[in-house]
C-alpha atoms as a PDB file:
ATOM      1  CA  MET A   1     100.287  97.050 106.893  1.00  0.00           C
ATOM      2  CA  GLN A   2     103.631  98.433 106.553  1.00  0.00           C
ATOM      3  CA  LYS A   3     104.543 101.232 104.294  1.00  0.00           C
ATOM      4  CA  THR A   4     107.754 102.924 103.372  1.00  0.00           C
ATOM      5  CA  LYS A   5     108.163 106.655 103.110  1.00  0.00           C
ATOM      6  CA  LEU A   6     111.166 108.642 101.373  1.00  0.00           C
ATOM      7  CA  ILE A   7     111.643 111.712 103.439  1.00  0.00           C
ATOM      8  CA  GLN A   8     113.991 114.612 102.242  1.00  0.00           C
ATOM      9  CA  ILE A   9     114.349 117.485 104.789  1.00  0.00           C
ATOM     10  CA  PHE A  10     115.778 121.173 103.873  1.00  0.00           C
ATOM     11  CA  GLY A  11     116.689 123.831 106.182  1.00  0.00           C
ATOM     12  CA  ARG A  12     119.158 123.957 109.302  1.00  0.00           C
ATOM     13  CA  VAL A  13     119.103 120.376 109.713  1.00  0.00           C
ATOM     14  CA  GLN A  14     122.919 119.434 109.533  1.00  0.00           C
ATOM     15  CA  ASN A  15     125.095 119.745 112.651  1.00  0.00           C
ATOM     16  CA  VAL A  16     122.354 120.386 114.920  1.00  0.00           C
ATOM     17  CA  GLY A  17     121.898 116.680 116.115  1.00  0.00           C
ATOM     18  CA  PHE A  18     118.964 116.174 113.704  1.00  0.00           C
ATOM     19  CA  ARG A  19     120.165 112.398 112.698  1.00  0.00           C
ATOM     20  CA  PHE A  20     120.529 111.711 116.414  1.00  0.00           C
ATOM     21  CA  ALA A  21     116.997 112.980 117.342  1.00  0.00           C
ATOM     22  CA  THR A  22     115.657 111.316 114.368  1.00  0.00           C
ATOM     23  CA  VAL A  23     116.802 107.837 115.466  1.00  0.00           C
ATOM     24  CA  GLN A  24     115.432 108.622 118.958  1.00  0.00           C
ATOM     25  CA  LYS A  25     112.008 109.586 117.670  1.00  0.00           C
ATOM     26  CA  ALA A  26     111.924 106.693 115.116  1.00  0.00           C
ATOM     27  CA  ASN A  27     112.585 104.078 118.096  1.00  0.00           C
ATOM     28  CA  GLU A  28     109.902 105.704 119.949  1.00  0.00           C
ATOM     29  CA  LEU A  29     107.371 105.649 117.374  1.00  0.00           C
ATOM     30  CA  ASN A  30     108.473 101.882 116.158  1.00  0.00           C
ATOM     31  CA  ILE A  31     109.661 103.142 112.757  1.00  0.00           C
ATOM     32  CA  LYS A  32     112.082 101.311 111.004  1.00  0.00           C
ATOM     33  CA  GLY A  33     114.964 102.567 108.326  1.00  0.00           C
ATOM     34  CA  PHE A  34     117.660 104.863 108.123  1.00  0.00           C
ATOM     35  CA  VAL A  35     118.547 108.452 108.431  1.00  0.00           C
ATOM     36  CA  LYS A  36     121.710 110.092 106.762  1.00  0.00           C
ATOM     37  CA  ASN A  37     123.137 113.648 105.816  1.00  0.00           C
ATOM     38  CA  MET A  38     123.191 114.597 102.101  1.00  0.00           C
ATOM     39  CA  PRO A  39     125.885 116.381 100.390  1.00  0.00           C
ATOM     40  CA  ASP A  40     123.380 119.440  99.668  1.00  0.00           C
ATOM     41  CA  LYS A  41     123.124 119.954 103.239  1.00  0.00           C
ATOM     42  CA  SER A  42     119.489 118.204 103.607  1.00  0.00           C
ATOM     43  CA  VAL A  43     118.883 115.050 105.677  1.00  0.00           C
ATOM     44  CA  TYR A  44     117.523 112.013 103.888  1.00  0.00           C
ATOM     45  CA  ILE A  45     115.310 109.298 105.703  1.00  0.00           C
ATOM     46  CA  GLU A  46     113.779 106.177 104.649  1.00  0.00           C
ATOM     47  CA  ALA A  47     110.967 105.149 107.317  1.00  0.00           C
ATOM     48  CA  GLN A  48     108.748 102.253 107.527  1.00  0.00           C
ATOM     49  CA  GLY A  49     105.704 101.806 109.715  1.00  0.00           C
ATOM     50  CA  THR A  50     102.078 101.572 109.840  1.00  0.00           C
ATOM     51  CA  ASP A  51      99.935 104.596 108.642  1.00  0.00           C
ATOM     52  CA  LEU A  52      99.611 106.042 112.240  1.00  0.00           C
ATOM     53  CA  GLU A  53     103.103 105.612 113.060  1.00  0.00           C
ATOM     54  CA  LEU A  54     104.112 107.213 109.793  1.00  0.00           C
ATOM     55  CA  GLU A  55     101.807 110.103 110.356  1.00  0.00           C
ATOM     56  CA  HIS A  56     103.170 110.895 113.939  1.00  0.00           C
ATOM     57  CA  PHE A  57     106.717 110.702 112.759  1.00  0.00           C
ATOM     58  CA  LEU A  58     106.325 113.011 109.809  1.00  0.00           C
ATOM     59  CA  LEU A  59     104.606 115.486 112.134  1.00  0.00           C
ATOM     60  CA  TRP A  60     107.759 115.469 114.165  1.00  0.00           C
ATOM     61  CA  CYS A  61     110.030 115.885 110.985  1.00  0.00           C
ATOM     62  CA  LYS A  62     108.212 118.970 109.868  1.00  0.00           C
ATOM     63  CA  THR A  63     109.878 120.612 112.790  1.00  0.00           C
ATOM     64  CA  GLY A  64     112.754 118.209 114.127  1.00  0.00           C
ATOM     65  CA  PRO A  65     114.551 118.867 117.304  1.00  0.00           C
ATOM     66  CA  ASP A  66     114.311 122.229 118.878  1.00  0.00           C
ATOM     67  CA  TRP A  67     117.692 123.377 117.614  1.00  0.00           C
ATOM     68  CA  ALA A  68     116.501 122.661 113.779  1.00  0.00           C
ATOM     69  CA  ASN A  69     115.086 124.973 111.423  1.00  0.00           C
ATOM     70  CA  VAL A  70     113.103 122.758 108.904  1.00  0.00           C
ATOM     71  CA  SER A  71     112.141 124.880 105.831  1.00  0.00           C
ATOM     72  CA  ASN A  72     110.733 122.363 103.262  1.00  0.00           C
ATOM     73  CA  ILE A  73     109.993 118.513 103.552  1.00  0.00           C
ATOM     74  CA  VAL A  74     109.690 116.149 100.629  1.00  0.00           C
ATOM     75  CA  VAL A  75     107.833 113.083 101.071  1.00  0.00           C
ATOM     76  CA  ASN A  76     107.197 110.307  98.652  1.00  0.00           C
ATOM     77  CA  GLU A  77     105.875 106.661  99.192  1.00  0.00           C
ATOM     78  CA  VAL A  78     107.342 103.488  97.606  1.00  0.00           C
ATOM     79  CA  LEU A  79     106.849  99.778  98.101  1.00  0.00           C
ATOM     80  CA  ALA A  80     107.674  98.355 101.579  1.00  0.00           C
ATOM     81  CA  THR A  81     111.262  97.546 102.316  1.00  0.00           C
ATOM     82  CA  ASP A  82     111.810  95.106 105.325  1.00  0.00           C
ATOM     83  CA  PHE A  83     114.074  97.083 107.641  1.00  0.00           C
ATOM     84  CA  LEU A  84     114.983  95.656 110.818  1.00  0.00           C
ATOM     85  CA  SER A  85     115.629  98.622 112.866  1.00  0.00           C
ATOM     86  CA  PHE A  86     116.065 102.423 112.461  1.00  0.00           C
ATOM     87  CA  THR A  87     119.834 103.253 112.080  1.00  0.00           C
ATOM     88  CA  ARG A  88     121.944 106.667 111.235  1.00  0.00           C
ATOM     89  CA  LYS A  89     124.328 106.233 108.140  1.00  0.00           C
END
């Protein structure tokens, strides 16, 4: 069963390739949705997948790519959305 998570990631997560790396990880884990930079310097993700796929994706989001420094992550679950792929906005 597909679930959708709203994820907001704080720390040094912009201008470090976070969105690019997120797209790669999402595609590797079969996650659908999107990632975008926010005006408050956080990164926002809507991710759809199975429980196991999302569990692995969230673990990765807690650290991100090597050059990022994640200080906090906020996750909320919402009704599933039918995403066709994972994109960068």
